């Protein structure tokens, strides 16, 4: 609804490339999942 107030959160998983290069993509995926869990924990009742 364009007439309603809105809040936006923009996140970036820092160090993802270094994690993928040093420990592999499985660890990089785990980093992404852990980051999304943080967002779910606080803003899970909105659009993620």
ModelCIF file with pLDDT and N, C-alpha, C, O atoms, coordinates in Angstrom:
data_MODEL
#
_entry.id   MODEL 
#
_entity.id                         1 
_entity.type                       polymer 
_entity.pdbx_number_of_molecules   1 
#
_entity_poly.entity_id                      1 
_entity_poly.type                           'polypeptide(L)' 
_entity_poly.nstd_linkage                   no 
_entity_poly.nstd_monomer                   no 
_entity_poly.pdbx_seq_one_letter_code       
;(UNK)(UNK)(UNK)(UNK)(UNK)(UNK)(UNK)(UNK)(UNK)(UNK)(UNK)(UNK)(UNK)(UNK)(UNK)(UNK)
(UNK)(UNK)(UNK)(UNK)(UNK)(UNK)(UNK)(UNK)(UNK)(UNK)(UNK)(UNK)(UNK)(UNK)(UNK)(UNK)
(UNK)(UNK)(UNK)(UNK)(UNK)(UNK)(UNK)(UNK)(UNK)(UNK)(UNK)(UNK)(UNK)(UNK)(UNK)(UNK)
;
_entity_poly.pdbx_seq_one_letter_code_can   XXXXXXXXXXXXXXXXXXXXXXXXXXXXXXXXXXXXXXXXXXXXXXXX 
_entity_poly.pdbx_strand_id                 A 
#
loop_
_entity_poly_seq.entity_id 
_entity_poly_seq.num 
_entity_poly_seq.mon_id 
_entity_poly_seq.hetero 
1 1  UNK n 
1 2  UNK n 
1 3  UNK n 
1 4  UNK n 
1 5  UNK n 
1 6  UNK n 
1 7  UNK n 
1 8  UNK n 
1 9  UNK n 
1 10 UNK n 
1 11 UNK n 
1 12 UNK n 
1 13 UNK n 
1 14 UNK n 
1 15 UNK n 
1 16 UNK n 
1 17 UNK n 
1 18 UNK n 
1 19 UNK n 
1 20 UNK n 
1 21 UNK n 
1 22 UNK n 
1 23 UNK n 
1 24 UNK n 
1 25 UNK n 
1 26 UNK n 
1 27 UNK n 
1 28 UNK n 
1 29 UNK n 
1 30 UNK n 
1 31 UNK n 
1 32 UNK n 
1 33 UNK n 
1 34 UNK n 
1 35 UNK n 
1 36 UNK n 
1 37 UNK n 
1 38 UNK n 
1 39 UNK n 
1 40 UNK n 
1 41 UNK n 
1 42 UNK n 
1 43 UNK n 
1 44 UNK n 
1 45 UNK n 
1 46 UNK n 
1 47 UNK n 
1 48 UNK n 
#
_struct_asym.id          A 
_struct_asym.entity_id   1 
#
loop_
_ma_qa_metric.id 
_ma_qa_metric.mode 
_ma_qa_metric.name 
_ma_qa_metric.software_group_id 
_ma_qa_metric.type 
1 global pLDDT . pLDDT 
2 local  pLDDT . pLDDT 
#
_ma_qa_metric_global.metric_id      1 
_ma_qa_metric_global.metric_value   87.46 
_ma_qa_metric_global.model_id       1 
_ma_qa_metric_global.ordinal_id     1 
#
loop_
_ma_qa_metric_local.label_asym_id 
_ma_qa_metric_local.label_comp_id 
_ma_qa_metric_local.label_seq_id 
_ma_qa_metric_local.metric_id 
_ma_qa_metric_local.metric_value 
_ma_qa_metric_local.model_id 
_ma_qa_metric_local.ordinal_id 
A UNK 1  2 90.00 1 1  
A UNK 2  2 90.00 1 2  
A UNK 3  2 91.00 1 3  
A UNK 4  2 92.00 1 4  
A UNK 5  2 94.00 1 5  
A UNK 6  2 95.00 1 6  
A UNK 7  2 95.00 1 7  
A UNK 8  2 96.00 1 8  
A UNK 9  2 95.00 1 9  
A UNK 10 2 96.00 1 10 
A UNK 11 2 94.00 1 11 
A UNK 12 2 91.00 1 12 
A UNK 13 2 88.00 1 13 
A UNK 14 2 85.00 1 14 
A UNK 15 2 75.00 1 15 
A UNK 16 2 77.00 1 16 
A UNK 17 2 75.00 1 17 
A UNK 18 2 78.00 1 18 
A UNK 19 2 77.00 1 19 
A UNK 20 2 75.00 1 20 
A UNK 21 2 76.00 1 21 
A UNK 22 2 80.00 1 22 
A UNK 23 2 79.00 1 23 
A UNK 24 2 80.00 1 24 
A UNK 25 2 80.00 1 25 
A UNK 26 2 85.00 1 26 
A UNK 27 2 79.00 1 27 
A UNK 28 2 78.00 1 28 
A UNK 29 2 84.00 1 29 
A UNK 30 2 86.00 1 30 
A UNK 31 2 83.00 1 31 
A UNK 32 2 88.00 1 32 
A UNK 33 2 89.00 1 33 
A UNK 34 2 88.00 1 34 
A UNK 35 2 89.00 1 35 
A UNK 36 2 90.00 1 36 
A UNK 37 2 92.00 1 37 
A UNK 38 2 90.00 1 38 
A UNK 39 2 93.00 1 39 
A UNK 40 2 93.00 1 40 
A UNK 41 2 92.00 1 41 
A UNK 42 2 94.00 1 42 
A UNK 43 2 94.00 1 43 
A UNK 44 2 92.00 1 44 
A UNK 45 2 92.00 1 45 
A UNK 46 2 94.00 1 46 
A UNK 47 2 94.00 1 47 
A UNK 48 2 95.00 1 48 
#
loop_
_atom_site.group_PDB 
_atom_site.id 
_atom_site.type_symbol 
_atom_site.label_atom_id 
_atom_site.label_alt_id 
_atom_site.label_comp_id 
_atom_site.label_asym_id 
_atom_site.label_entity_id 
_atom_site.label_seq_id 
_atom_site.pdbx_PDB_ins_code 
_atom_site.Cartn_x 
_atom_site.Cartn_y 
_atom_site.Cartn_z 
_atom_site.occupancy 
_atom_site.B_iso_or_equiv 
_atom_site.pdbx_formal_charge 
_atom_site.auth_seq_id 
_atom_site.auth_comp_id 
_atom_site.auth_asym_id 
_atom_site.auth_atom_id 
_atom_site.pdbx_PDB_model_num 
ATOM 1   N N  . UNK A 1 1  ? 0.852  -1.188  0.000  1.00 90.00 ? 1  UNK A N  1 
ATOM 2   C CA . UNK A 1 1  ? 0.000  0.000   0.000  1.00 90.00 ? 1  UNK A CA 1 
ATOM 3   C C  . UNK A 1 1  ? 0.890  1.242   0.000  1.00 90.00 ? 1  UNK A C  1 
ATOM 4   O O  . UNK A 1 1  ? 1.649  1.472   0.942  1.00 90.00 ? 1  UNK A O  1 
ATOM 5   N N  . UNK A 1 2  ? 0.793  2.032   -1.054 1.00 90.00 ? 2  UNK A N  1 
ATOM 6   C CA . UNK A 1 2  ? 1.667  3.183   -1.197 1.00 90.00 ? 2  UNK A CA 1 
ATOM 7   C C  . UNK A 1 2  ? 1.433  4.256   -0.133 1.00 90.00 ? 2  UNK A C  1 
ATOM 8   O O  . UNK A 1 2  ? 2.306  5.090   0.111  1.00 90.00 ? 2  UNK A O  1 
ATOM 9   N N  . UNK A 1 3  ? 0.279  4.237   0.490  1.00 91.00 ? 3  UNK A N  1 
ATOM 10  C CA . UNK A 1 3  ? -0.033 5.254   1.496  1.00 91.00 ? 3  UNK A CA 1 
ATOM 11  C C  . UNK A 1 3  ? 0.470  4.881   2.885  1.00 91.00 ? 3  UNK A C  1 
ATOM 12  O O  . UNK A 1 3  ? 0.433  5.709   3.795  1.00 91.00 ? 3  UNK A O  1 
ATOM 13  N N  . UNK A 1 4  ? 0.934  3.660   3.062  1.00 92.00 ? 4  UNK A N  1 
ATOM 14  C CA . UNK A 1 4  ? 1.376  3.201   4.370  1.00 92.00 ? 4  UNK A CA 1 
ATOM 15  C C  . UNK A 1 4  ? 2.881  3.437   4.552  1.00 92.00 ? 4  UNK A C  1 
ATOM 16  O O  . UNK A 1 4  ? 3.628  3.567   3.583  1.00 92.00 ? 4  UNK A O  1 
ATOM 17  N N  . UNK A 1 5  ? 3.304  3.489   5.832  1.00 94.00 ? 5  UNK A N  1 
ATOM 18  C CA . UNK A 1 5  ? 4.727  3.617   6.135  1.00 94.00 ? 5  UNK A CA 1 
ATOM 19  C C  . UNK A 1 5  ? 5.438  2.299   5.814  1.00 94.00 ? 5  UNK A C  1 
ATOM 20  O O  . UNK A 1 5  ? 4.805  1.250   5.691  1.00 94.00 ? 5  UNK A O  1 
ATOM 21  N N  . UNK A 1 6  ? 6.759  2.375   5.683  1.00 95.00 ? 6  UNK A N  1 
ATOM 22  C CA . UNK A 1 6  ? 7.520  1.166   5.344  1.00 95.00 ? 6  UNK A CA 1 
ATOM 23  C C  . UNK A 1 6  ? 8.956  1.294   5.853  1.00 95.00 ? 6  UNK A C  1 
ATOM 24  O O  . UNK A 1 6  ? 9.539  2.378   5.869  1.00 95.00 ? 6  UNK A O  1 
ATOM 25  N N  . UNK A 1 7  ? 9.499  0.161   6.264  1.00 95.00 ? 7  UNK A N  1 
ATOM 26  C CA . UNK A 1 7  ? 10.899 0.084   6.633  1.00 95.00 ? 7  UNK A CA 1 
ATOM 27  C C  . UNK A 1 7  ? 11.602 -0.925  5.745  1.00 95.00 ? 7  UNK A C  1 
ATOM 28  O O  . UNK A 1 7  ? 11.029 -1.960  5.403  1.00 95.00 ? 7  UNK A O  1 
ATOM 29  N N  . UNK A 1 8  ? 12.864 -0.627  5.362  1.00 96.00 ? 8  UNK A N  1 
ATOM 30  C CA . UNK A 1 8  ? 13.641 -1.511  4.497  1.00 96.00 ? 8  UNK A CA 1 
ATOM 31  C C  . UNK A 1 8  ? 14.976 -1.827  5.162  1.00 96.00 ? 8  UNK A C  1 
ATOM 32  O O  . UNK A 1 8  ? 15.658 -0.938  5.672  1.00 96.00 ? 8  UNK A O  1 
ATOM 33  N N  . UNK A 1 9  ? 15.338 -3.111  5.147  1.00 95.00 ? 9  UNK A N  1 
ATOM 34  C CA . UNK A 1 9  ? 16.644 -3.554  5.645  1.00 95.00 ? 9  UNK A CA 1 
ATOM 35  C C  . UNK A 1 9  ? 17.403 -4.161  4.481  1.00 95.00 ? 9  UNK A C  1 
ATOM 36  O O  . UNK A 1 9  ? 16.899 -5.062  3.810  1.00 95.00 ? 9  UNK A O  1 
ATOM 37  N N  . UNK A 1 10 ? 18.610 -3.676  4.238  1.00 96.00 ? 10 UNK A N  1 
ATOM 38  C CA . UNK A 1 10 ? 19.437 -4.188  3.144  1.00 96.00 ? 10 UNK A CA 1 
ATOM 39  C C  . UNK A 1 10 ? 20.701 -4.781  3.756  1.00 96.00 ? 10 UNK A C  1 
ATOM 40  O O  . UNK A 1 10 ? 21.427 -4.095  4.476  1.00 96.00 ? 10 UNK A O  1 
ATOM 41  N N  . UNK A 1 11 ? 20.963 -6.055  3.470  1.00 94.00 ? 11 UNK A N  1 
ATOM 42  C CA . UNK A 1 11 ? 22.088 -6.760  4.097  1.00 94.00 ? 11 UNK A CA 1 
ATOM 43  C C  . UNK A 1 11 ? 23.040 -7.314  3.046  1.00 94.00 ? 11 UNK A C  1 
ATOM 44  O O  . UNK A 1 11 ? 22.638 -7.654  1.933  1.00 94.00 ? 11 UNK A O  1 
ATOM 45  N N  . UNK A 1 12 ? 24.318 -7.396  3.427  1.00 91.00 ? 12 UNK A N  1 
ATOM 46  C CA . UNK A 1 12 ? 25.331 -8.002  2.567  1.00 91.00 ? 12 UNK A CA 1 
ATOM 47  C C  . UNK A 1 12 ? 26.191 -8.934  3.416  1.00 91.00 ? 12 UNK A C  1 
ATOM 48  O O  . UNK A 1 12 ? 26.708 -8.542  4.462  1.00 91.00 ? 12 UNK A O  1 
ATOM 49  N N  . UNK A 1 13 ? 26.335 -10.174 2.948  1.00 88.00 ? 13 UNK A N  1 
ATOM 50  C CA . UNK A 1 13 ? 27.150 -11.153 3.669  1.00 88.00 ? 13 UNK A CA 1 
ATOM 51  C C  . UNK A 1 13 ? 28.618 -10.846 3.380  1.00 88.00 ? 13 UNK A C  1 
ATOM 52  O O  . UNK A 1 13 ? 29.121 -11.169 2.304  1.00 88.00 ? 13 UNK A O  1 
ATOM 53  N N  . UNK A 1 14 ? 29.293 -10.235 4.321  1.00 85.00 ? 14 UNK A N  1 
ATOM 54  C CA . UNK A 1 14 ? 30.688 -9.845  4.107  1.00 85.00 ? 14 UNK A CA 1 
ATOM 55  C C  . UNK A 1 14 ? 31.617 -11.061 4.239  1.00 85.00 ? 14 UNK A C  1 
ATOM 56  O O  . UNK A 1 14 ? 31.371 -11.974 5.027  1.00 85.00 ? 14 UNK A O  1 
ATOM 57  N N  . UNK A 1 15 ? 32.663 -11.038 3.463  1.00 75.00 ? 15 UNK A N  1 
ATOM 58  C CA . UNK A 1 15 ? 33.652 -12.109 3.522  1.00 75.00 ? 15 UNK A CA 1 
ATOM 59  C C  . UNK A 1 15 ? 33.230 -13.390 2.850  1.00 75.00 ? 15 UNK A C  1 
ATOM 60  O O  . UNK A 1 15 ? 33.844 -14.433 3.073  1.00 75.00 ? 15 UNK A O  1 
ATOM 61  N N  . UNK A 1 16 ? 32.177 -13.338 2.017  1.00 77.00 ? 16 UNK A N  1 
ATOM 62  C CA . UNK A 1 16 ? 31.684 -14.578 1.404  1.00 77.00 ? 16 UNK A CA 1 
ATOM 63  C C  . UNK A 1 16 ? 32.686 -15.148 0.401  1.00 77.00 ? 16 UNK A C  1 
ATOM 64  O O  . UNK A 1 16 ? 32.916 -16.357 0.375  1.00 77.00 ? 16 UNK A O  1 
ATOM 65  N N  . UNK A 1 17 ? 33.286 -14.280 -0.430 1.00 75.00 ? 17 UNK A N  1 
ATOM 66  C CA . UNK A 1 17 ? 34.231 -14.788 -1.426 1.00 75.00 ? 17 UNK A CA 1 
ATOM 67  C C  . UNK A 1 17 ? 35.447 -15.414 -0.744 1.00 75.00 ? 17 UNK A C  1 
ATOM 68  O O  . UNK A 1 17 ? 35.933 -16.466 -1.160 1.00 75.00 ? 17 UNK A O  1 
ATOM 69  N N  . UNK A 1 18 ? 35.933 -14.749 0.312  1.00 78.00 ? 18 UNK A N  1 
ATOM 70  C CA . UNK A 1 18 ? 37.096 -15.300 1.023  1.00 78.00 ? 18 UNK A CA 1 
ATOM 71  C C  . UNK A 1 18 ? 36.773 -16.655 1.635  1.00 78.00 ? 18 UNK A C  1 
ATOM 72  O O  . UNK A 1 18 ? 37.605 -17.562 1.634  1.00 78.00 ? 18 UNK A O  1 
ATOM 73  N N  . UNK A 1 19 ? 35.556 -16.784 2.156  1.00 77.00 ? 19 UNK A N  1 
ATOM 74  C CA . UNK A 1 19 ? 35.123 -18.060 2.743  1.00 77.00 ? 19 UNK A CA 1 
ATOM 75  C C  . UNK A 1 19 ? 35.060 -19.140 1.654  1.00 77.00 ? 19 UNK A C  1 
ATOM 76  O O  . UNK A 1 19 ? 35.538 -20.257 1.850  1.00 77.00 ? 19 UNK A O  1 
ATOM 77  N N  . UNK A 1 20 ? 34.462 -18.790 0.500  1.00 75.00 ? 20 UNK A N  1 
ATOM 78  C CA . UNK A 1 20 ? 34.370 -19.760 -0.604 1.00 75.00 ? 20 UNK A CA 1 
ATOM 79  C C  . UNK A 1 20 ? 35.755 -20.195 -1.073 1.00 75.00 ? 20 UNK A C  1 
ATOM 80  O O  . UNK A 1 20 ? 35.983 -21.374 -1.344 1.00 75.00 ? 20 UNK A O  1 
ATOM 81  N N  . UNK A 1 21 ? 36.683 -19.234 -1.169 1.00 76.00 ? 21 UNK A N  1 
ATOM 82  C CA . UNK A 1 21 ? 38.028 -19.537 -1.675 1.00 76.00 ? 21 UNK A CA 1 
ATOM 83  C C  . UNK A 1 21 ? 38.841 -20.356 -0.682 1.00 76.00 ? 21 UNK A C  1 
ATOM 84  O O  . UNK A 1 21 ? 39.570 -21.266 -1.075 1.00 76.00 ? 21 UNK A O  1 
ATOM 85  N N  . UNK A 1 22 ? 38.718 -20.036 0.607  1.00 80.00 ? 22 UNK A N  1 
ATOM 86  C CA . UNK A 1 22 ? 39.573 -20.672 1.609  1.00 80.00 ? 22 UNK A CA 1 
ATOM 87  C C  . UNK A 1 22 ? 39.002 -21.984 2.135  1.00 80.00 ? 22 UNK A C  1 
ATOM 88  O O  . UNK A 1 22 ? 39.750 -22.929 2.385  1.00 80.00 ? 22 UNK A O  1 
ATOM 89  N N  . UNK A 1 23 ? 37.654 -22.049 2.309  1.00 79.00 ? 23 UNK A N  1 
ATOM 90  C CA . UNK A 1 23 ? 37.068 -23.226 2.952  1.00 79.00 ? 23 UNK A CA 1 
ATOM 91  C C  . UNK A 1 23 ? 36.058 -23.969 2.082  1.00 79.00 ? 23 UNK A C  1 
ATOM 92  O O  . UNK A 1 23 ? 35.539 -25.012 2.480  1.00 79.00 ? 23 UNK A O  1 
ATOM 93  N N  . UNK A 1 24 ? 35.783 -23.435 0.902  1.00 80.00 ? 24 UNK A N  1 
ATOM 94  C CA . UNK A 1 24 ? 34.870 -24.133 -0.006 1.00 80.00 ? 24 UNK A CA 1 
ATOM 95  C C  . UNK A 1 24 ? 33.463 -23.549 0.030  1.00 80.00 ? 24 UNK A C  1 
ATOM 96  O O  . UNK A 1 24 ? 33.089 -22.823 0.950  1.00 80.00 ? 24 UNK A O  1 
ATOM 97  N N  . UNK A 1 25 ? 32.706 -23.887 -0.994 1.00 80.00 ? 25 UNK A N  1 
ATOM 98  C CA . UNK A 1 25 ? 31.364 -23.307 -1.148 1.00 80.00 ? 25 UNK A CA 1 
ATOM 99  C C  . UNK A 1 25 ? 30.360 -23.820 -0.113 1.00 80.00 ? 25 UNK A C  1 
ATOM 100 O O  . UNK A 1 25 ? 29.391 -23.127 0.195  1.00 80.00 ? 25 UNK A O  1 
ATOM 101 N N  . UNK A 1 26 ? 30.575 -25.008 0.423  1.00 85.00 ? 26 UNK A N  1 
ATOM 102 C CA . UNK A 1 26 ? 29.671 -25.494 1.468  1.00 85.00 ? 26 UNK A CA 1 
ATOM 103 C C  . UNK A 1 26 ? 29.724 -24.589 2.686  1.00 85.00 ? 26 UNK A C  1 
ATOM 104 O O  . UNK A 1 26 ? 28.692 -24.285 3.285  1.00 85.00 ? 26 UNK A O  1 
ATOM 105 N N  . UNK A 1 27 ? 30.922 -24.158 3.054  1.00 79.00 ? 27 UNK A N  1 
ATOM 106 C CA . UNK A 1 27 ? 31.057 -23.229 4.178  1.00 79.00 ? 27 UNK A CA 1 
ATOM 107 C C  . UNK A 1 27 ? 30.500 -21.863 3.812  1.00 79.00 ? 27 UNK A C  1 
ATOM 108 O O  . UNK A 1 27 ? 29.929 -21.168 4.653  1.00 79.00 ? 27 UNK A O  1 
ATOM 109 N N  . UNK A 1 28 ? 30.672 -21.482 2.544  1.00 78.00 ? 28 UNK A N  1 
ATOM 110 C CA . UNK A 1 28 ? 30.087 -20.212 2.097  1.00 78.00 ? 28 UNK A CA 1 
ATOM 111 C C  . UNK A 1 28 ? 28.571 -20.253 2.167  1.00 78.00 ? 28 UNK A C  1 
ATOM 112 O O  . UNK A 1 28 ? 27.932 -19.279 2.565  1.00 78.00 ? 28 UNK A O  1 
ATOM 113 N N  . UNK A 1 29 ? 27.992 -21.401 1.773  1.00 84.00 ? 29 UNK A N  1 
ATOM 114 C CA . UNK A 1 29 ? 26.523 -21.548 1.873  1.00 84.00 ? 29 UNK A CA 1 
ATOM 115 C C  . UNK A 1 29 ? 26.069 -21.482 3.326  1.00 84.00 ? 29 UNK A C  1 
ATOM 116 O O  . UNK A 1 29 ? 25.027 -20.902 3.633  1.00 84.00 ? 29 UNK A O  1 
ATOM 117 N N  . UNK A 1 30 ? 26.857 -22.078 4.218  1.00 86.00 ? 30 UNK A N  1 
ATOM 118 C CA . UNK A 1 30 ? 26.491 -22.036 5.639  1.00 86.00 ? 30 UNK A CA 1 
ATOM 119 C C  . UNK A 1 30 ? 26.484 -20.598 6.146  1.00 86.00 ? 30 UNK A C  1 
ATOM 120 O O  . UNK A 1 30 ? 25.635 -20.227 6.956  1.00 86.00 ? 30 UNK A O  1 
ATOM 121 N N  . UNK A 1 31 ? 27.424 -19.791 5.675  1.00 83.00 ? 31 UNK A N  1 
ATOM 122 C CA . UNK A 1 31 ? 27.490 -18.392 6.073  1.00 83.00 ? 31 UNK A CA 1 
ATOM 123 C C  . UNK A 1 31 ? 26.240 -17.637 5.612  1.00 83.00 ? 31 UNK A C  1 
ATOM 124 O O  . UNK A 1 31 ? 25.694 -16.818 6.351  1.00 83.00 ? 31 UNK A O  1 
ATOM 125 N N  . UNK A 1 32 ? 25.795 -17.918 4.390  1.00 88.00 ? 32 UNK A N  1 
ATOM 126 C CA . UNK A 1 32 ? 24.575 -17.286 3.861  1.00 88.00 ? 32 UNK A CA 1 
ATOM 127 C C  . UNK A 1 32 ? 23.364 -17.708 4.684  1.00 88.00 ? 32 UNK A C  1 
ATOM 128 O O  . UNK A 1 32 ? 22.533 -16.873 5.042  1.00 88.00 ? 32 UNK A O  1 
ATOM 129 N N  . UNK A 1 33 ? 23.261 -19.011 4.986  1.00 89.00 ? 33 UNK A N  1 
ATOM 130 C CA . UNK A 1 33 ? 22.134 -19.518 5.762  1.00 89.00 ? 33 UNK A CA 1 
ATOM 131 C C  . UNK A 1 33 ? 22.115 -18.897 7.163  1.00 89.00 ? 33 UNK A C  1 
ATOM 132 O O  . UNK A 1 33 ? 21.060 -18.477 7.639  1.00 89.00 ? 33 UNK A O  1 
ATOM 133 N N  . UNK A 1 34 ? 23.275 -18.837 7.821  1.00 88.00 ? 34 UNK A N  1 
ATOM 134 C CA . UNK A 1 34 ? 23.343 -18.246 9.161  1.00 88.00 ? 34 UNK A CA 1 
ATOM 135 C C  . UNK A 1 34 ? 22.937 -16.769 9.129  1.00 88.00 ? 34 UNK A C  1 
ATOM 136 O O  . UNK A 1 34 ? 22.288 -16.276 10.052 1.00 88.00 ? 34 UNK A O  1 
ATOM 137 N N  . UNK A 1 35 ? 23.319 -16.079 8.070  1.00 89.00 ? 35 UNK A N  1 
ATOM 138 C CA . UNK A 1 35 ? 22.953 -14.663 7.931  1.00 89.00 ? 35 UNK A CA 1 
ATOM 139 C C  . UNK A 1 35 ? 21.440 -14.510 7.763  1.00 89.00 ? 35 UNK A C  1 
ATOM 140 O O  . UNK A 1 35 ? 20.827 -13.621 8.354  1.00 89.00 ? 35 UNK A O  1 
ATOM 141 N N  . UNK A 1 36 ? 20.845 -15.389 6.946  1.00 90.00 ? 36 UNK A N  1 
ATOM 142 C CA . UNK A 1 36 ? 19.392 -15.311 6.743  1.00 90.00 ? 36 UNK A CA 1 
ATOM 143 C C  . UNK A 1 36 ? 18.635 -15.645 8.024  1.00 90.00 ? 36 UNK A C  1 
ATOM 144 O O  . UNK A 1 36 ? 17.554 -15.108 8.261  1.00 90.00 ? 36 UNK A O  1 
ATOM 145 N N  . UNK A 1 37 ? 19.192 -16.522 8.847  1.00 92.00 ? 37 UNK A N  1 
ATOM 146 C CA . UNK A 1 37 ? 18.556 -16.855 10.124 1.00 92.00 ? 37 UNK A CA 1 
ATOM 147 C C  . UNK A 1 37 ? 18.512 -15.641 11.037 1.00 92.00 ? 37 UNK A C  1 
ATOM 148 O O  . UNK A 1 37 ? 17.538 -15.452 11.766 1.00 92.00 ? 37 UNK A O  1 
ATOM 149 N N  . UNK A 1 38 ? 19.561 -14.811 11.008 1.00 90.00 ? 38 UNK A N  1 
ATOM 150 C CA . UNK A 1 38 ? 19.560 -13.577 11.801 1.00 90.00 ? 38 UNK A CA 1 
ATOM 151 C C  . UNK A 1 38 ? 18.408 -12.675 11.374 1.00 90.00 ? 38 UNK A C  1 
ATOM 152 O O  . UNK A 1 38 ? 17.690 -12.123 12.207 1.00 90.00 ? 38 UNK A O  1 
ATOM 153 N N  . UNK A 1 39 ? 18.247 -12.537 10.063 1.00 93.00 ? 39 UNK A N  1 
ATOM 154 C CA . UNK A 1 39 ? 17.180 -11.682 9.540  1.00 93.00 ? 39 UNK A CA 1 
ATOM 155 C C  . UNK A 1 39 ? 15.807 -12.248 9.889  1.00 93.00 ? 39 UNK A C  1 
ATOM 156 O O  . UNK A 1 39 ? 14.887 -11.505 10.232 1.00 93.00 ? 39 UNK A O  1 
ATOM 157 N N  . UNK A 1 40 ? 15.678 -13.585 9.797  1.00 93.00 ? 40 UNK A N  1 
ATOM 158 C CA . UNK A 1 40 ? 14.408 -14.229 10.141 1.00 93.00 ? 40 UNK A CA 1 
ATOM 159 C C  . UNK A 1 40 ? 14.065 -14.029 11.607 1.00 93.00 ? 40 UNK A C  1 
ATOM 160 O O  . UNK A 1 40 ? 12.906 -13.800 11.953 1.00 93.00 ? 40 UNK A O  1 
ATOM 161 N N  . UNK A 1 41 ? 15.068 -14.113 12.465 1.00 92.00 ? 41 UNK A N  1 
ATOM 162 C CA . UNK A 1 41 ? 14.842 -14.015 13.903 1.00 92.00 ? 41 UNK A CA 1 
ATOM 163 C C  . UNK A 1 41 ? 14.227 -12.676 14.283 1.00 92.00 ? 41 UNK A C  1 
ATOM 164 O O  . UNK A 1 41 ? 13.391 -12.615 15.185 1.00 92.00 ? 41 UNK A O  1 
ATOM 165 N N  . UNK A 1 42 ? 14.627 -11.606 13.609 1.00 94.00 ? 42 UNK A N  1 
ATOM 166 C CA . UNK A 1 42 ? 14.177 -10.265 13.984 1.00 94.00 ? 42 UNK A CA 1 
ATOM 167 C C  . UNK A 1 42 ? 13.041 -9.756  13.101 1.00 94.00 ? 42 UNK A C  1 
ATOM 168 O O  . UNK A 1 42 ? 12.119 -9.107  13.597 1.00 94.00 ? 42 UNK A O  1 
ATOM 169 N N  . UNK A 1 43 ? 13.095 -10.045 11.786 1.00 94.00 ? 43 UNK A N  1 
ATOM 170 C CA . UNK A 1 43 ? 12.093 -9.503  10.850 1.00 94.00 ? 43 UNK A CA 1 
ATOM 171 C C  . UNK A 1 43 ? 11.316 -10.617 10.142 1.00 94.00 ? 43 UNK A C  1 
ATOM 172 O O  . UNK A 1 43 ? 10.809 -10.414 9.039  1.00 94.00 ? 43 UNK A O  1 
ATOM 173 N N  . UNK A 1 44 ? 11.222 -11.772 10.764 1.00 92.00 ? 44 UNK A N  1 
ATOM 174 C CA . UNK A 1 44 ? 10.588 -12.919 10.125 1.00 92.00 ? 44 UNK A CA 1 
ATOM 175 C C  . UNK A 1 44 ? 9.114  -12.771 9.839  1.00 92.00 ? 44 UNK A C  1 
ATOM 176 O O  . UNK A 1 44 ? 8.566  -13.520 9.031  1.00 92.00 ? 44 UNK A O  1 
ATOM 177 N N  . UNK A 1 45 ? 8.449  -11.809 10.490 1.00 92.00 ? 45 UNK A N  1 
ATOM 178 C CA . UNK A 1 45 ? 7.018  -11.611 10.244 1.00 92.00 ? 45 UNK A CA 1 
ATOM 179 C C  . UNK A 1 45 ? 6.762  -10.629 9.100  1.00 92.00 ? 45 UNK A C  1 
ATOM 180 O O  . UNK A 1 45 ? 5.621  -10.234 8.862  1.00 92.00 ? 45 UNK A O  1 
ATOM 181 N N  . UNK A 1 46 ? 7.818  -10.238 8.400  1.00 94.00 ? 46 UNK A N  1 
ATOM 182 C CA . UNK A 1 46 ? 7.685  -9.366  7.227  1.00 94.00 ? 46 UNK A CA 1 
ATOM 183 C C  . UNK A 1 46 ? 8.238  -10.090 5.995  1.00 94.00 ? 46 UNK A C  1 
ATOM 184 O O  . UNK A 1 46 ? 8.528  -11.285 6.058  1.00 94.00 ? 46 UNK A O  1 
ATOM 185 N N  . UNK A 1 47 ? 8.382  -9.376  4.884  1.00 94.00 ? 47 UNK A N  1 
ATOM 186 C CA . UNK A 1 47 ? 8.859  -9.991  3.651  1.00 94.00 ? 47 UNK A CA 1 
ATOM 187 C C  . UNK A 1 47 ? 10.374 -10.082 3.608  1.00 94.00 ? 47 UNK A C  1 
ATOM 188 O O  . UNK A 1 47 ? 11.060 -9.062  3.667  1.00 94.00 ? 47 UNK A O  1 
ATOM 189 N N  . UNK A 1 48 ? 10.903 -11.304 3.505  1.00 95.00 ? 48 UNK A N  1 
ATOM 190 C CA . UNK A 1 48 ? 12.346 -11.530 3.466  1.00 95.00 ? 48 UNK A CA 1 
ATOM 191 C C  . UNK A 1 48 ? 12.735 -12.117 2.115  1.00 95.00 ? 48 UNK A C  1 
ATOM 192 O O  . UNK A 1 48 ? 13.912 -12.384 1.874  1.00 95.00 ? 48 UNK A O  1 
#
